[in-house]
Amino acid sequence: MAVETREVMTIEQVAEYMQLGAEDVERLITDLGLPALEVSEGVWRVPRAALDEWLNRKALSRDRDRRTARTDSARLADKLREDILRDRGGVPLPRGFAVEAIREAREGD
């Protein structure tokens, strides 16, 4: 079913477009900065172009956050490996030794 979209959308139209409930859209506006204009008390309008731009920014931001989290995890794993090599006098752990097992081994000492 195609969703009819307009240049300026009501909360209900945005909800249908995003496949959310109207309450969720209102929360996106009030809590997460979805661009909207309050035309009267509790009556919101959302420009379609601003909605699409906001969604794209959120998607890009989420991707960047995921990449950063993976990078942080890789740095932590490298640091743990360096610490273990130092603690073991330069003797590496067996191949395939999981980072979780390394953490558990360190916590047990």
PDB file of N, CA and C in Angstrom:
ATOM      1  N   MET A   1       0.837  -1.174   0.000  1.00  0.00           N
ATOM      2  CA  MET A   1       0.000   0.000   0.000  1.00  0.00           C
ATOM      3  C   MET A   1       0.886   1.244   0.000  1.00  0.00           C
ATOM      4  N   ALA A   2       0.685   2.110  -0.919  1.00  0.00           N
ATOM      5  CA  ALA A   2       1.478   3.335  -1.011  1.00  0.00           C
ATOM      6  C   ALA A   2       0.974   4.356   0.003  1.00  0.00           C
ATOM      7  N   VAL A   3       1.918   5.029   0.630  1.00  0.00           N
ATOM      8  CA  VAL A   3       1.592   6.070   1.591  1.00  0.00           C
ATOM      9  C   VAL A   3       1.569   7.396   0.857  1.00  0.00           C
ATOM     10  N   GLU A   4       0.450   8.115   0.985  1.00  0.00           N
ATOM     11  CA  GLU A   4       0.356   9.436   0.357  1.00  0.00           C
ATOM     12  C   GLU A   4       1.158  10.417   1.205  1.00  0.00           C
ATOM     13  N   THR A   5       2.062  11.117   0.570  1.00  0.00           N
ATOM     14  CA  THR A   5       2.842  12.115   1.293  1.00  0.00           C
ATOM     15  C   THR A   5       2.621  13.479   0.663  1.00  0.00           C
ATOM     16  N   ARG A   6       2.721  14.482   1.510  1.00  0.00           N
ATOM     17  CA  ARG A   6       2.543  15.861   1.075  1.00  0.00           C
ATOM     18  C   ARG A   6       3.778  16.643   1.464  1.00  0.00           C
ATOM     19  N   GLU A   7       3.848  17.870   1.000  1.00  0.00           N
ATOM     20  CA  GLU A   7       4.989  18.723   1.353  1.00  0.00           C
ATOM     21  C   GLU A   7       5.022  19.016   2.851  1.00  0.00           C
ATOM     22  N   VAL A   8       3.841  19.189   3.453  1.00  0.00           N
ATOM     23  CA  VAL A   8       3.723  19.396   4.891  1.00  0.00           C
ATOM     24  C   VAL A   8       2.776  18.321   5.409  1.00  0.00           C
ATOM     25  N   MET A   9       3.226  17.586   6.428  1.00  0.00           N
ATOM     26  CA  MET A   9       2.479  16.420   6.883  1.00  0.00           C
ATOM     27  C   MET A   9       1.988  16.593   8.315  1.00  0.00           C
ATOM     28  N   THR A  10       0.852  15.958   8.608  1.00  0.00           N
ATOM     29  CA  THR A  10       0.338  15.914   9.975  1.00  0.00           C
ATOM     30  C   THR A  10       1.081  14.822  10.745  1.00  0.00           C
ATOM     31  N   ILE A  11       0.878  14.789  12.047  1.00  0.00           N
ATOM     32  CA  ILE A  11       1.473  13.728  12.873  1.00  0.00           C
ATOM     33  C   ILE A  11       1.030  12.355  12.359  1.00  0.00           C
ATOM     34  N   GLU A  12      -0.233  12.233  12.038  1.00  0.00           N
ATOM     35  CA  GLU A  12      -0.764  10.950  11.570  1.00  0.00           C
ATOM     36  C   GLU A  12      -0.140  10.543  10.237  1.00  0.00           C
ATOM     37  N   GLN A  13       0.058  11.494   9.344  1.00  0.00           N
ATOM     38  CA  GLN A  13       0.695  11.192   8.062  1.00  0.00           C
ATOM     39  C   GLN A  13       2.151  10.780   8.252  1.00  0.00           C
ATOM     40  N   VAL A  14       2.842  11.486   9.150  1.00  0.00           N
ATOM     41  CA  VAL A  14       4.232  11.113   9.449  1.00  0.00           C
ATOM     42  C   VAL A  14       4.266   9.718  10.059  1.00  0.00           C
ATOM     43  N   ALA A  15       3.340   9.440  10.955  1.00  0.00           N
ATOM     44  CA  ALA A  15       3.289   8.121  11.592  1.00  0.00           C
ATOM     45  C   ALA A  15       3.091   7.024  10.551  1.00  0.00           C
ATOM     46  N   GLU A  16       2.187   7.244   9.619  1.00  0.00           N
ATOM     47  CA  GLU A  16       1.961   6.261   8.564  1.00  0.00           C
ATOM     48  C   GLU A  16       3.202   6.125   7.683  1.00  0.00           C
ATOM     49  N   TYR A  17       3.806   7.237   7.325  1.00  0.00           N
ATOM     50  CA  TYR A  17       5.002   7.252   6.484  1.00  0.00           C
ATOM     51  C   TYR A  17       6.153   6.483   7.149  1.00  0.00           C
ATOM     52  N   MET A  18       6.304   6.681   8.469  1.00  0.00           N
ATOM     53  CA  MET A  18       7.403   6.040   9.195  1.00  0.00           C
ATOM     54  C   MET A  18       7.015   4.688   9.785  1.00  0.00           C
ATOM     55  N   GLN A  19       5.743   4.309   9.619  1.00  0.00           N
ATOM     56  CA  GLN A  19       5.213   3.065  10.175  1.00  0.00           C
ATOM     57  C   GLN A  19       5.381   3.029  11.689  1.00  0.00           C
ATOM     58  N   LEU A  20       4.942   4.114  12.326  1.00  0.00           N
ATOM     59  CA  LEU A  20       4.988   4.269  13.769  1.00  0.00           C
ATOM     60  C   LEU A  20       3.617   4.699  14.262  1.00  0.00           C
ATOM     61  N   GLY A  21       3.469   4.766  15.566  1.00  0.00           N
ATOM     62  CA  GLY A  21       2.269   5.332  16.142  1.00  0.00           C
ATOM     63  C   GLY A  21       2.403   6.842  16.248  1.00  0.00           C
ATOM     64  N   ALA A  22       1.281   7.530  16.330  1.00  0.00           N
ATOM     65  CA  ALA A  22       1.292   8.992  16.445  1.00  0.00           C
ATOM     66  C   ALA A  22       2.033   9.432  17.706  1.00  0.00           C
ATOM     67  N   GLU A  23       1.870   8.685  18.797  1.00  0.00           N
ATOM     68  CA  GLU A  23       2.563   9.030  20.044  1.00  0.00           C
ATOM     69  C   GLU A  23       4.085   8.948  19.868  1.00  0.00           C
ATOM     70  N   ASP A  24       4.528   7.972  19.106  1.00  0.00           N
ATOM     71  CA  ASP A  24       5.969   7.836  18.844  1.00  0.00           C
ATOM     72  C   ASP A  24       6.489   9.037  18.057  1.00  0.00           C
ATOM     73  N   VAL A  25       5.711   9.498  17.089  1.00  0.00           N
ATOM     74  CA  VAL A  25       6.123  10.659  16.292  1.00  0.00           C
ATOM     75  C   VAL A  25       6.195  11.895  17.184  1.00  0.00           C
ATOM     76  N   GLU A  26       5.208  12.077  18.055  1.00  0.00           N
ATOM     77  CA  GLU A  26       5.231  13.219  18.977  1.00  0.00           C
ATOM     78  C   GLU A  26       6.467  13.163  19.876  1.00  0.00           C
ATOM     79  N   ARG A  27       6.846  11.978  20.305  1.00  0.00           N
ATOM     80  CA  ARG A  27       8.050  11.817  21.125  1.00  0.00           C
ATOM     81  C   ARG A  27       9.308  12.139  20.319  1.00  0.00           C
ATOM     82  N   LEU A  28       9.328  11.761  19.041  1.00  0.00           N
ATOM     83  CA  LEU A  28      10.469  12.113  18.186  1.00  0.00           C
ATOM     84  C   LEU A  28      10.598  13.628  18.078  1.00  0.00           C
ATOM     85  N   ILE A  29       9.467  14.309  18.011  1.00  0.00           N
ATOM     86  CA  ILE A  29       9.483  15.769  17.920  1.00  0.00           C
ATOM     87  C   ILE A  29       9.964  16.382  19.225  1.00  0.00           C
ATOM     88  N   THR A  30       9.362  15.971  20.329  1.00  0.00           N
ATOM     89  CA  THR A  30       9.660  16.622  21.611  1.00  0.00           C
ATOM     90  C   THR A  30      10.981  16.185  22.216  1.00  0.00           C
ATOM     91  N   ASP A  31      11.375  14.924  21.999  1.00  0.00           N
ATOM     92  CA  ASP A  31      12.572  14.404  22.678  1.00  0.00           C
ATOM     93  C   ASP A  31      13.795  14.263  21.778  1.00  0.00           C
ATOM     94  N   LEU A  32      13.592  14.019  20.491  1.00  0.00           N
ATOM     95  CA  LEU A  32      14.731  13.706  19.625  1.00  0.00           C
ATOM     96  C   LEU A  32      14.954  14.706  18.500  1.00  0.00           C
ATOM     97  N   GLY A  33      14.216  15.799  18.521  1.00  0.00           N
ATOM     98  CA  GLY A  33      14.508  16.878  17.585  1.00  0.00           C
ATOM     99  C   GLY A  33      14.001  16.722  16.172  1.00  0.00           C
ATOM    100  N   LEU A  34      12.969  15.889  15.975  1.00  0.00           N
ATOM    101  CA  LEU A  34      12.374  15.833  14.645  1.00  0.00           C
ATOM    102  C   LEU A  34      11.822  17.215  14.319  1.00  0.00           C
ATOM    103  N   PRO A  35      12.239  17.826  13.201  1.00  0.00           N
ATOM    104  CA  PRO A  35      11.799  19.182  12.871  1.00  0.00           C
ATOM    105  C   PRO A  35      10.289  19.233  12.645  1.00  0.00           C
ATOM    106  N   ALA A  36       9.637  20.118  13.381  1.00  0.00           N
ATOM    107  CA  ALA A  36       8.189  20.273  13.244  1.00  0.00           C
ATOM    108  C   ALA A  36       7.795  21.660  13.706  1.00  0.00           C
ATOM    109  N   LEU A  37       6.644  22.080  13.244  1.00  0.00           N
ATOM    110  CA  LEU A  37       6.108  23.381  13.613  1.00  0.00           C
ATOM    111  C   LEU A  37       4.810  23.145  14.371  1.00  0.00           C
ATOM    112  N   GLU A  38       4.725  23.720  15.570  1.00  0.00           N
ATOM    113  CA  GLU A  38       3.489  23.612  16.335  1.00  0.00           C
ATOM    114  C   GLU A  38       2.582  24.761  15.895  1.00  0.00           C
ATOM    115  N   VAL A  39       1.570  24.444  15.083  1.00  0.00           N
ATOM    116  CA  VAL A  39       0.708  25.480  14.512  1.00  0.00           C
ATOM    117  C   VAL A  39      -0.332  25.974  15.507  1.00  0.00           C
ATOM    118  N   SER A  40      -0.686  25.149  16.464  1.00  0.00           N
ATOM    119  CA  SER A  40      -1.484  25.539  17.623  1.00  0.00           C
ATOM    120  C   SER A  40      -1.181  24.514  18.709  1.00  0.00           C
ATOM    121  N   GLU A  41      -1.661  24.742  19.888  1.00  0.00           N
ATOM    122  CA  GLU A  41      -1.265  23.878  20.997  1.00  0.00           C
ATOM    123  C   GLU A  41      -1.575  22.407  20.707  1.00  0.00           C
ATOM    124  N   GLY A  42      -0.494  21.608  20.649  1.00  0.00           N
ATOM    125  CA  GLY A  42      -0.626  20.179  20.405  1.00  0.00           C
ATOM    126  C   GLY A  42      -0.895  19.795  18.962  1.00  0.00           C
ATOM    127  N   VAL A  43      -0.909  20.754  18.054  1.00  0.00           N
ATOM    128  CA  VAL A  43      -1.144  20.469  16.629  1.00  0.00           C
ATOM    129  C   VAL A  43       0.150  20.751  15.876  1.00  0.00           C
ATOM    130  N   TRP A  44       0.725  19.692  15.328  1.00  0.00           N
ATOM    131  CA  TRP A  44       2.040  19.777  14.705  1.00  0.00           C
ATOM    132  C   TRP A  44       1.954  19.570  13.205  1.00  0.00           C
ATOM    133  N   ARG A  45       2.879  20.196  12.494  1.00  0.00           N
ATOM    134  CA  ARG A  45       3.071  19.958  11.066  1.00  0.00           C
ATOM    135  C   ARG A  45       4.554  19.722  10.831  1.00  0.00           C
ATOM    136  N   VAL A  46       4.823  18.762   9.966  1.00  0.00           N
ATOM    137  CA  VAL A  46       6.205  18.367   9.686  1.00  0.00           C
ATOM    138  C   VAL A  46       6.462  18.533   8.191  1.00  0.00           C
ATOM    139  N   PRO A  47       7.409  19.395   7.818  1.00  0.00           N
ATOM    140  CA  PRO A  47       7.771  19.507   6.401  1.00  0.00           C
ATOM    141  C   PRO A  47       8.418  18.212   5.912  1.00  0.00           C
ATOM    142  N   ARG A  48       7.944  17.718   4.805  1.00  0.00           N
ATOM    143  CA  ARG A  48       8.425  16.440   4.265  1.00  0.00           C
ATOM    144  C   ARG A  48       9.936  16.477   4.019  1.00  0.00           C
ATOM    145  N   ALA A  49      10.441  17.561   3.446  1.00  0.00           N
ATOM    146  CA  ALA A  49      11.879  17.650   3.154  1.00  0.00           C
ATOM    147  C   ALA A  49      12.690  17.609   4.446  1.00  0.00           C
ATOM    148  N   ALA A  50      12.218  18.293   5.492  1.00  0.00           N
ATOM    149  CA  ALA A  50      12.922  18.298   6.774  1.00  0.00           C
ATOM    150  C   ALA A  50      12.897  16.905   7.405  1.00  0.00           C
ATOM    151  N   LEU A  51      11.774  16.205   7.272  1.00  0.00           N
ATOM    152  CA  LEU A  51      11.663  14.836   7.794  1.00  0.00           C
ATOM    153  C   LEU A  51      12.667  13.918   7.103  1.00  0.00           C
ATOM    154  N   ASP A  52      12.704  13.966   5.779  1.00  0.00           N
ATOM    155  CA  ASP A  52      13.630  13.101   5.031  1.00  0.00           C
ATOM    156  C   ASP A  52      15.080  13.427   5.372  1.00  0.00           C
ATOM    157  N   GLU A  53      15.393  14.711   5.482  1.00  0.00           N
ATOM    158  CA  GLU A  53      16.763  15.102   5.838  1.00  0.00           C
ATOM    159  C   GLU A  53      17.104  14.608   7.249  1.00  0.00           C
ATOM    160  N   TRP A  54      16.178  14.753   8.190  1.00  0.00           N
ATOM    161  CA  TRP A  54      16.395  14.309   9.573  1.00  0.00           C
ATOM    162  C   TRP A  54      16.617  12.799   9.610  1.00  0.00           C
ATOM    163  N   LEU A  55      15.808  12.043   8.872  1.00  0.00           N
ATOM    164  CA  LEU A  55      15.970  10.588   8.828  1.00  0.00           C
ATOM    165  C   LEU A  55      17.332  10.205   8.255  1.00  0.00           C
ATOM    166  N   ASN A  56      17.760  10.877   7.195  1.00  0.00           N
ATOM    167  CA  ASN A  56      19.068  10.587   6.597  1.00  0.00           C
ATOM    168  C   ASN A  56      20.198  10.892   7.570  1.00  0.00           C
ATOM    169  N   ARG A  57      20.093  12.033   8.271  1.00  0.00           N
ATOM    170  CA  ARG A  57      21.130  12.382   9.264  1.00  0.00           C
ATOM    171  C   ARG A  57      21.186  11.349  10.371  1.00  0.00           C
ATOM    172  N   LYS A  58      20.037  10.901  10.846  1.00  0.00           N
ATOM    173  CA  LYS A  58      19.988   9.897  11.911  1.00  0.00           C
ATOM    174  C   LYS A  58      20.600   8.586  11.440  1.00  0.00           C
ATOM    175  N   ALA A  59      20.309   8.192  10.216  1.00  0.00           N
ATOM    176  CA  ALA A  59      20.866   6.946   9.683  1.00  0.00           C
ATOM    177  C   ALA A  59      22.379   7.048   9.563  1.00  0.00           C
ATOM    178  N   LEU A  60      22.877   8.168   9.053  1.00  0.00           N
ATOM    179  CA  LEU A  60      24.328   8.355   8.929  1.00  0.00           C
ATOM    180  C   LEU A  60      24.990   8.398  10.298  1.00  0.00           C
ATOM    181  N   SER A  61      24.356   9.055  11.235  1.00  0.00           N
ATOM    182  CA  SER A  61      24.891   9.149  12.595  1.00  0.00           C
ATOM    183  C   SER A  61      24.968   7.769  13.235  1.00  0.00           C
ATOM    184  N   ARG A  62      23.926   6.965  13.034  1.00  0.00           N
ATOM    185  CA  ARG A  62      23.921   5.615  13.607  1.00  0.00           C
ATOM    186  C   ARG A  62      25.035   4.770  13.009  1.00  0.00           C
ATOM    187  N   ASP A  63      25.237   4.874  11.702  1.00  0.00           N
ATOM    188  CA  ASP A  63      26.320   4.136  11.050  1.00  0.00           C
ATOM    189  C   ASP A  63      27.673   4.577  11.603  1.00  0.00           C
ATOM    190  N   ARG A  64      27.860   5.898  11.780  1.00  0.00           N
ATOM    191  CA  ARG A  64      29.114   6.421  12.321  1.00  0.00           C
ATOM    192  C   ARG A  64      29.320   5.917  13.749  1.00  0.00           C
ATOM    193  N   ASP A  65      28.260   5.900  14.556  1.00  0.00           N
ATOM    194  CA  ASP A  65      28.363   5.410  15.930  1.00  0.00           C
ATOM    195  C   ASP A  65      28.741   3.938  15.958  1.00  0.00           C
ATOM    196  N   ARG A  66      28.173   3.163  15.039  1.00  0.00           N
ATOM    197  CA  ARG A  66      28.521   1.735  14.986  1.00  0.00           C
ATOM    198  C   ARG A  66      29.980   1.535  14.607  1.00  0.00           C
ATOM    199  N   ARG A  67      30.439   2.319  13.615  1.00  0.00           N
ATOM    200  CA  ARG A  67      31.859   2.207  13.221  1.00  0.00           C
ATOM    201  C   ARG A  67      32.760   2.585  14.386  1.00  0.00           C
ATOM    202  N   THR A  68      32.404   3.636  15.108  1.00  0.00           N
ATOM    203  CA  THR A  68      33.197   4.067  16.265  1.00  0.00           C
ATOM    204  C   THR A  68      33.219   2.986  17.326  1.00  0.00           C
ATOM    205  N   ALA A  69      32.078   2.366  17.584  1.00  0.00           N
ATOM    206  CA  ALA A  69      32.006   1.303  18.593  1.00  0.00           C
ATOM    207  C   ALA A  69      32.890   0.128  18.193  1.00  0.00           C
ATOM    208  N   ARG A  70      32.871  -0.237  16.904  1.00  0.00           N
ATOM    209  CA  ARG A  70      33.737  -1.336  16.454  1.00  0.00           C
ATOM    210  C   ARG A  70      35.204  -0.956  16.609  1.00  0.00           C
ATOM    211  N   THR A  71      35.531   0.291  16.292  1.00  0.00           N
ATOM    212  CA  THR A  71      36.904   0.748  16.431  1.00  0.00           C
ATOM    213  C   THR A  71      37.328   0.720  17.894  1.00  0.00           C
ATOM    214  N   ASP A  72      36.450   1.176  18.789  1.00  0.00           N
ATOM    215  CA  ASP A  72      36.753   1.136  20.217  1.00  0.00           C
ATOM    216  C   ASP A  72      36.957  -0.292  20.697  1.00  0.00           C
ATOM    217  N   SER A  73      36.132  -1.217  20.213  1.00  0.00           N
ATOM    218  CA  SER A  73      36.274  -2.624  20.595  1.00  0.00           C
ATOM    219  C   SER A  73      37.598  -3.185  20.106  1.00  0.00           C
ATOM    220  N   ALA A  74      37.987  -2.827  18.893  1.00  0.00           N
ATOM    221  CA  ALA A  74      39.261  -3.306  18.340  1.00  0.00           C
ATOM    222  C   ALA A  74      40.428  -2.752  19.151  1.00  0.00           C
ATOM    223  N   ARG A  75      40.337  -1.473  19.538  1.00  0.00           N
ATOM    224  CA  ARG A  75      41.405  -0.891  20.369  1.00  0.00           C
ATOM    225  C   ARG A  75      41.505  -1.603  21.709  1.00  0.00           C
ATOM    226  N   LEU A  76      40.353  -1.884  22.315  1.00  0.00           N
ATOM    227  CA  LEU A  76      40.345  -2.589  23.590  1.00  0.00           C
ATOM    228  C   LEU A  76      40.960  -3.977  23.447  1.00  0.00           C
ATOM    229  N   ALA A  77      40.587  -4.679  22.387  1.00  0.00           N
ATOM    230  CA  ALA A  77      41.148  -6.015  22.160  1.00  0.00           C
ATOM    231  C   ALA A  77      42.664  -5.936  21.974  1.00  0.00           C
ATOM    232  N   ASP A  78      43.143  -4.962  21.214  1.00  0.00           N
ATOM    233  CA  ASP A  78      44.586  -4.799  21.027  1.00  0.00           C
ATOM    234  C   ASP A  78      45.277  -4.513  22.349  1.00  0.00           C
ATOM    235  N   LYS A  79      44.675  -3.656  23.165  1.00  0.00           N
ATOM    236  CA  LYS A  79      45.257  -3.320  24.468  1.00  0.00           C
ATOM    237  C   LYS A  79      45.321  -4.564  25.354  1.00  0.00           C
ATOM    238  N   LEU A  80      44.248  -5.354  25.357  1.00  0.00           N
ATOM    239  CA  LEU A  80      44.246  -6.583  26.159  1.00  0.00           C
ATOM    240  C   LEU A  80      45.336  -7.544  25.685  1.00  0.00           C
ATOM    241  N   ARG A  81      45.478  -7.673  24.380  1.00  0.00           N
ATOM    242  CA  ARG A  81      46.522  -8.567  23.853  1.00  0.00           C
ATOM    243  C   ARG A  81      47.910  -8.080  24.268  1.00  0.00           C
ATOM    244  N   GLU A  82      48.132  -6.769  24.168  1.00  0.00           N
ATOM    245  CA  GLU A  82      49.429  -6.222  24.585  1.00  0.00           C
ATOM    246  C   GLU A  82      49.685  -6.472  26.068  1.00  0.00           C
ATOM    247  N   ASP A  83      48.673  -6.250  26.891  1.00  0.00           N
ATOM    248  CA  ASP A  83      48.819  -6.481  28.332  1.00  0.00           C
ATOM    249  C   ASP A  83      49.135  -7.942  28.624  1.00  0.00           C
ATOM    250  N   ILE A  84      48.453  -8.837  27.930  1.00  0.00           N
ATOM    251  CA  ILE A  84      48.682 -10.265  28.170  1.00  0.00           C
ATOM    252  C   ILE A  84      50.068 -10.668  27.700  1.00  0.00           C
ATOM    253  N   LEU A  85      50.478 -10.164  26.543  1.00  0.00           N
ATOM    254  CA  LEU A  85      51.834 -10.465  26.078  1.00  0.00           C
ATOM    255  C   LEU A  85      52.862  -9.995  27.103  1.00  0.00           C
ATOM    256  N   ARG A  86      52.653  -8.798  27.627  1.00  0.00           N
ATOM    257  CA  ARG A  86      53.579  -8.278  28.632  1.00  0.00           C
ATOM    258  C   ARG A  86      53.547  -9.156  29.882  1.00  0.00           C
ATOM    259  N   ASP A  87      52.343  -9.511  30.351  1.00  0.00           N
ATOM    260  CA  ASP A  87      52.203 -10.330  31.556  1.00  0.00           C
ATOM    261  C   ASP A  87      52.769 -11.731  31.365  1.00  0.00           C
ATOM    262  N   ARG A  88      52.721 -12.244  30.144  1.00  0.00           N
ATOM    263  CA  ARG A  88      53.218 -13.607  29.883  1.00  0.00           C
ATOM    264  C   ARG A  88      54.662 -13.594  29.389  1.00  0.00           C
ATOM    265  N   GLY A  89      55.338 -12.487  29.546  1.00  0.00           N
ATOM    266  CA  GLY A  89      56.733 -12.420  29.138  1.00  0.00           C
ATOM    267  C   GLY A  89      56.924 -12.540  27.643  1.00  0.00           C
ATOM    268  N   GLY A  90      55.972 -12.041  26.858  1.00  0.00           N
ATOM    269  CA  GLY A  90      56.094 -12.066  25.406  1.00  0.00           C
ATOM    270  C   GLY A  90      55.570 -13.328  24.762  1.00  0.00           C
ATOM    271  N   VAL A  91      55.072 -14.271  25.561  1.00  0.00           N
ATOM    272  CA  VAL A  91      54.544 -15.518  25.006  1.00  0.00           C
ATOM    273  C   VAL A  91      53.085 -15.290  24.607  1.00  0.00           C
ATOM    274  N   PRO A  92      52.769 -15.411  23.329  1.00  0.00           N
ATOM    275  CA  PRO A  92      51.391 -15.154  22.898  1.00  0.00           C
ATOM    276  C   PRO A  92      50.437 -16.252  23.355  1.00  0.00           C
ATOM    277  N   LEU A  93      49.182 -15.895  23.415  1.00  0.00           N
ATOM    278  CA  LEU A  93      48.143 -16.877  23.716  1.00  0.00           C
ATOM    279  C   LEU A  93      47.907 -17.735  22.488  1.00  0.00           C
ATOM    280  N   PRO A  94      47.328 -18.910  22.673  1.00  0.00           N
ATOM    281  CA  PRO A  94      47.028 -19.763  21.516  1.00  0.00           C
ATOM    282  C   PRO A  94      46.109 -19.042  20.527  1.00  0.00           C
ATOM    283  N   ARG A  95      46.270 -19.390  19.262  1.00  0.00           N
ATOM    284  CA  ARG A  95      45.459 -18.780  18.206  1.00  0.00           C
ATOM    285  C   ARG A  95      43.973 -19.029  18.466  1.00  0.00           C
ATOM    286  N   GLY A  96      43.172 -18.009  18.200  1.00  0.00           N
ATOM    287  CA  GLY A  96      41.738 -18.154  18.360  1.00  0.00           C
ATOM    288  C   GLY A  96      41.250 -17.931  19.782  1.00  0.00           C
ATOM    289  N   PHE A  97      42.125 -17.545  20.665  1.00  0.00           N
ATOM    290  CA  PHE A  97      41.742 -17.281  22.045  1.00  0.00           C
ATOM    291  C   PHE A  97      40.872 -16.031  22.060  1.00  0.00           C
ATOM    292  N   ALA A  98      39.629 -16.152  22.483  1.00  0.00           N
ATOM    293  CA  ALA A  98      38.657 -15.063  22.401  1.00  0.00           C
ATOM    294  C   ALA A  98      38.953 -13.966  23.412  1.00  0.00           C
ATOM    295  N   VAL A  99      38.607 -12.742  23.065  1.00  0.00           N
ATOM    296  CA  VAL A  99      38.803 -11.599  23.951  1.00  0.00           C
ATOM    297  C   VAL A  99      38.052 -11.811  25.263  1.00  0.00           C
ATOM    298  N   GLU A 100      36.850 -12.415  25.181  1.00  0.00           N
ATOM    299  CA  GLU A 100      36.094 -12.661  26.407  1.00  0.00           C
ATOM    300  C   GLU A 100      36.863 -13.596  27.336  1.00  0.00           C
ATOM    301  N   ALA A 101      37.484 -14.601  26.765  1.00  0.00           N
ATOM    302  CA  ALA A 101      38.268 -15.530  27.579  1.00  0.00           C
ATOM    303  C   ALA A 101      39.475 -14.818  28.171  1.00  0.00           C
ATOM    304  N   ILE A 102      40.045 -13.884  27.424  1.00  0.00           N
ATOM    305  CA  ILE A 102      41.173 -13.104  27.931  1.00  0.00           C
ATOM    306  C   ILE A 102      40.719 -12.271  29.119  1.00  0.00           C
ATOM    307  N   ARG A 103      39.566 -11.628  28.991  1.00  0.00           N
ATOM    308  CA  ARG A 103      39.053 -10.832  30.103  1.00  0.00           C
ATOM    309  C   ARG A 103      38.824 -11.690  31.335  1.00  0.00           C
ATOM    310  N   GLU A 104      38.189 -12.851  31.130  1.00  0.00           N
ATOM    311  CA  GLU A 104      37.910 -13.741  32.249  1.00  0.00           C
ATOM    312  C   GLU A 104      39.206 -14.216  32.903  1.00  0.00           C
ATOM    313  N   ALA A 105      40.204 -14.504  32.097  1.00  0.00           N
ATOM    314  CA  ALA A 105      41.479 -14.945  32.645  1.00  0.00           C
ATOM    315  C   ALA A 105      42.128 -13.840  33.472  1.00  0.00           C
ATOM    316  N   ARG A 106      42.037 -12.616  32.998  1.00  0.00           N
ATOM    317  CA  ARG A 106      42.630 -11.487  33.723  1.00  0.00           C
ATOM    318  C   ARG A 106      41.877 -11.219  35.010  1.00  0.00           C
ATOM    319  N   GLU A 107      40.553 -11.335  34.989  1.00  0.00           N
ATOM    320  CA  GLU A 107      39.759 -11.091  36.192  1.00  0.00           C
ATOM    321  C   GLU A 107      40.017 -12.154  37.241  1.00  0.00           C
ATOM    322  N   GLY A 108      40.339 -13.358  36.800  1.00  0.00           N
ATOM    323  CA  GLY A 108      40.600 -14.456  37.725  1.00  0.00           C
ATOM    324  C   GLY A 108      41.932 -14.324  38.446  1.00  0.00           C
ATOM    325  N   ASP A 109      42.862 -13.526  37.908  1.00  0.00           N
ATOM    326  CA  ASP A 109      44.189 -13.377  38.533  1.00  0.00           C
ATOM    327  C   ASP A 109      44.142 -12.478  39.742  1.00  0.00           C
TER     328      ASP A 109
END
